Amino acid sequence: QVQLVESGGGLVQAGGSLRLSCAASGDNFSLIDMRWYRQAPGKQRELVATITKGDSTNYADSVKGRFTISRDNAKNTAYLQMNSLKPEDTAVYYCRAVINVLTSYWGQGTQVTVAS
């Protein structure tokens, strides 16, 4: 069982920055792939960024060059640094710990609102 707690969301002006954190409980965090998703009102949840246990990263086209995913295995925490924020980035952001193809865990989400 892995429990995830996101933090760092809030209200920011367009062009601003936020850093989201996802703190994980349990052992073996370094062996877990971590992902950030977001869900805007009336839209489906979408994958934003991935960091594997080997530190490979991948991003949605809409955030490439603006968002950076990282992890600190010593702190059992994944991060999403978001720069040059746009109003269309407004959403609830969720982190997900992917253990294997059958097992994953979600955080409760953190609201990000970007004002124009």
C-alpha atoms as a PDB file:
ATOM      1  CA  GLN A   1       0.000   0.000   0.000  1.00  0.00           C
ATOM      2  CA  VAL A   2       1.274   3.436  -0.939  1.00  0.00           C
ATOM      3  CA  GLN A   3      -0.322   6.654   0.248  1.00  0.00           C
ATOM      4  CA  LEU A   4       0.264   9.817  -1.743  1.00  0.00           C
ATOM      5  CA  VAL A   5      -0.211  13.382  -0.577  1.00  0.00           C
ATOM      6  CA  GLU A   6       0.007  16.235  -3.066  1.00  0.00           C
ATOM      7  CA  SER A   7       0.712  19.819  -2.116  1.00  0.00           C
ATOM      8  CA  GLY A   8       1.779  23.085  -3.688  1.00  0.00           C
ATOM      9  CA  GLY A   9      -1.290  24.011  -5.686  1.00  0.00           C
ATOM     10  CA  GLY A  10      -2.834  27.443  -5.601  1.00  0.00           C
ATOM     11  CA  LEU A  11      -3.767  30.540  -7.534  1.00  0.00           C
ATOM     12  CA  VAL A  12      -1.155  32.125  -9.779  1.00  0.00           C
ATOM     13  CA  GLN A  13      -1.137  34.743 -12.521  1.00  0.00           C
ATOM     14  CA  ALA A  14      -0.474  33.709 -16.104  1.00  0.00           C
ATOM     15  CA  GLY A  15       3.250  33.477 -16.697  1.00  0.00           C
ATOM     16  CA  GLY A  16       3.905  32.511 -13.108  1.00  0.00           C
ATOM     17  CA  SER A  17       5.284  29.334 -11.577  1.00  0.00           C
ATOM     18  CA  LEU A  18       4.266  26.696  -9.074  1.00  0.00           C
ATOM     19  CA  ARG A  19       5.951  23.573  -7.781  1.00  0.00           C
ATOM     20  CA  LEU A  20       3.783  20.621  -6.867  1.00  0.00           C
ATOM     21  CA  SER A  21       4.981  17.935  -4.473  1.00  0.00           C
ATOM     22  CA  CYS A  22       3.794  14.364  -4.080  1.00  0.00           C
ATOM     23  CA  ALA A  23       4.940  12.699  -0.880  1.00  0.00           C
ATOM     24  CA  ALA A  24       4.717   8.912  -0.788  1.00  0.00           C
ATOM     25  CA  SER A  25       4.527   6.586   2.178  1.00  0.00           C
ATOM     26  CA  GLY A  26       6.109   3.182   2.371  1.00  0.00           C
ATOM     27  CA  ASP A  27       9.342   1.657   1.224  1.00  0.00           C
ATOM     28  CA  ASN A  28      10.907   1.197  -2.186  1.00  0.00           C
ATOM     29  CA  PHE A  29       9.921   4.586  -3.561  1.00  0.00           C
ATOM     30  CA  SER A  30      12.966   4.406  -5.822  1.00  0.00           C
ATOM     31  CA  LEU A  31      11.432   1.377  -7.555  1.00  0.00           C
ATOM     32  CA  ILE A  32       8.182   3.131  -8.453  1.00  0.00           C
ATOM     33  CA  ASP A  33       7.334   5.017 -11.629  1.00  0.00           C
ATOM     34  CA  MET A  34       5.648   8.306 -10.796  1.00  0.00           C
ATOM     35  CA  ARG A  35       3.206  10.233 -12.955  1.00  0.00           C
ATOM     36  CA  TRP A  36       1.390  13.536 -12.809  1.00  0.00           C
ATOM     37  CA  TYR A  37      -2.077  13.886 -14.323  1.00  0.00           C
ATOM     38  CA  ARG A  38      -4.521  16.744 -14.477  1.00  0.00           C
ATOM     39  CA  GLN A  39      -8.242  17.090 -14.914  1.00  0.00           C
ATOM     40  CA  ALA A  40      -9.914  20.310 -15.942  1.00  0.00           C
ATOM     41  CA  PRO A  41     -13.649  20.868 -15.410  1.00  0.00           C
ATOM     42  CA  GLY A  42     -15.671  18.968 -17.978  1.00  0.00           C
ATOM     43  CA  LYS A  43     -12.615  17.243 -19.414  1.00  0.00           C
ATOM     44  CA  GLN A  44     -11.045  13.828 -19.103  1.00  0.00           C
ATOM     45  CA  ARG A  45      -8.041  13.282 -16.884  1.00  0.00           C
ATOM     46  CA  GLU A  46      -4.866  13.546 -18.925  1.00  0.00           C
ATOM     47  CA  LEU A  47      -1.306  12.424 -18.362  1.00  0.00           C
ATOM     48  CA  VAL A  48       1.028  15.370 -17.961  1.00  0.00           C
ATOM     49  CA  ALA A  49       4.425  13.928 -17.082  1.00  0.00           C
ATOM     50  CA  THR A  50       6.139  10.676 -16.162  1.00  0.00           C
ATOM     51  CA  ILE A  51       9.374   9.850 -14.387  1.00  0.00           C
ATOM     52  CA  THR A  52      10.466   6.243 -14.263  1.00  0.00           C
ATOM     53  CA  LYS A  53      12.403   4.488 -11.532  1.00  0.00           C
ATOM     54  CA  GLY A  54      15.378   4.935 -13.817  1.00  0.00           C
ATOM     55  CA  ASP A  55      14.779   8.713 -13.984  1.00  0.00           C
ATOM     56  CA  SER A  56      13.613   8.741 -17.595  1.00  0.00           C
ATOM     57  CA  THR A  57      11.059  11.475 -18.178  1.00  0.00           C
ATOM     58  CA  ASN A  58       8.275  12.091 -20.644  1.00  0.00           C
ATOM     59  CA  TYR A  59       5.856  14.983 -21.107  1.00  0.00           C
ATOM     60  CA  ALA A  60       2.608  15.809 -22.804  1.00  0.00           C
ATOM     61  CA  ASP A  61       3.150  18.065 -25.808  1.00  0.00           C
ATOM     62  CA  SER A  62       1.114  20.793 -24.154  1.00  0.00           C
ATOM     63  CA  VAL A  63       3.617  21.179 -21.299  1.00  0.00           C
ATOM     64  CA  LYS A  64       6.952  20.380 -22.931  1.00  0.00           C
ATOM     65  CA  GLY A  65       9.511  23.064 -22.248  1.00  0.00           C
ATOM     66  CA  ARG A  66       7.431  24.532 -19.406  1.00  0.00           C
ATOM     67  CA  PHE A  67       7.009  21.700 -16.885  1.00  0.00           C
ATOM     68  CA  THR A  68       9.708  19.576 -15.292  1.00  0.00           C
ATOM     69  CA  ILE A  69       9.108  16.355 -13.372  1.00  0.00           C
ATOM     70  CA  SER A  70      11.694  15.190 -10.864  1.00  0.00           C
ATOM     71  CA  ARG A  71      12.046  12.971  -7.835  1.00  0.00           C
ATOM     72  CA  ASP A  72      13.991  12.820  -4.605  1.00  0.00           C
ATOM     73  CA  ASN A  73      14.173   9.208  -3.528  1.00  0.00           C
ATOM     74  CA  ALA A  74      15.702  10.117  -0.178  1.00  0.00           C
ATOM     75  CA  LYS A  75      12.549  12.115   0.604  1.00  0.00           C
ATOM     76  CA  ASN A  76      10.076   9.738  -1.067  1.00  0.00           C
ATOM     77  CA  THR A  77       8.799  12.698  -3.042  1.00  0.00           C
ATOM     78  CA  ALA A  78       8.066  13.510  -6.666  1.00  0.00           C
ATOM     79  CA  TYR A  79       7.810  17.058  -7.953  1.00  0.00           C
ATOM     80  CA  LEU A  80       6.273  18.918 -10.837  1.00  0.00           C
ATOM     81  CA  GLN A  81       7.847  22.296 -11.521  1.00  0.00           C
ATOM     82  CA  MET A  82       5.461  24.352 -13.622  1.00  0.00           C
ATOM     83  CA  ASN A  83       6.723  27.509 -15.313  1.00  0.00           C
ATOM     84  CA  SER A  84       5.153  29.935 -17.780  1.00  0.00           C
ATOM     85  CA  LEU A  85       1.723  28.869 -16.612  1.00  0.00           C
ATOM     86  CA  LYS A  86      -1.264  29.508 -18.844  1.00  0.00           C
ATOM     87  CA  PRO A  87      -4.973  29.729 -18.000  1.00  0.00           C
ATOM     88  CA  GLU A  88      -5.463  26.437 -19.833  1.00  0.00           C
ATOM     89  CA  ASP A  89      -3.232  24.760 -17.238  1.00  0.00           C
ATOM     90  CA  THR A  90      -6.005  25.278 -14.695  1.00  0.00           C
ATOM     91  CA  ALA A  91      -7.003  21.869 -13.359  1.00  0.00           C
ATOM     92  CA  VAL A  92      -6.841  19.531 -10.423  1.00  0.00           C
ATOM     93  CA  TYR A  93      -3.434  17.868 -10.516  1.00  0.00           C
ATOM     94  CA  TYR A  94      -3.019  14.291  -9.317  1.00  0.00           C
ATOM     95  CA  CYS A  95       0.045  12.176  -8.769  1.00  0.00           C
ATOM     96  CA  ARG A  96       0.033   8.463  -9.366  1.00  0.00           C
ATOM     97  CA  ALA A  97       2.446   5.788  -8.207  1.00  0.00           C
ATOM     98  CA  VAL A  98       2.635   2.927 -10.691  1.00  0.00           C
ATOM     99  CA  ILE A  99       3.887  -0.261  -9.087  1.00  0.00           C
ATOM    100  CA  ASN A 100       3.183  -2.574 -12.022  1.00  0.00           C
ATOM    101  CA  VAL A 101       0.572  -2.999 -14.754  1.00  0.00           C
ATOM    102  CA  LEU A 102      -2.016  -4.111 -12.228  1.00  0.00           C
ATOM    103  CA  THR A 103      -1.246  -1.928  -9.236  1.00  0.00           C
ATOM    104  CA  SER A 104      -1.162   1.819  -8.855  1.00  0.00           C
ATOM    105  CA  TYR A 105      -2.144   4.429  -6.309  1.00  0.00           C
ATOM    106  CA  TRP A 106      -3.518   7.949  -6.648  1.00  0.00           C
ATOM    107  CA  GLY A 107      -3.221  11.035  -4.530  1.00  0.00           C
ATOM    108  CA  GLN A 108      -6.193  13.171  -3.587  1.00  0.00           C
ATOM    109  CA  GLY A 109      -5.345  15.982  -5.992  1.00  0.00           C
ATOM    110  CA  THR A 110      -4.364  19.614  -5.648  1.00  0.00           C
ATOM    111  CA  GLN A 111      -6.053  22.535  -7.390  1.00  0.00           C
ATOM    112  CA  VAL A 112      -4.058  24.770  -9.694  1.00  0.00           C
ATOM    113  CA  THR A 113      -5.761  27.907 -10.951  1.00  0.00           C
ATOM    114  CA  VAL A 114      -4.067  30.222 -13.434  1.00  0.00           C
ATOM    115  CA  ALA A 115      -5.627  33.654 -13.761  1.00  0.00           C
ATOM    116  CA  SER A 116      -5.368  35.561 -17.026  1.00  0.00           C
END
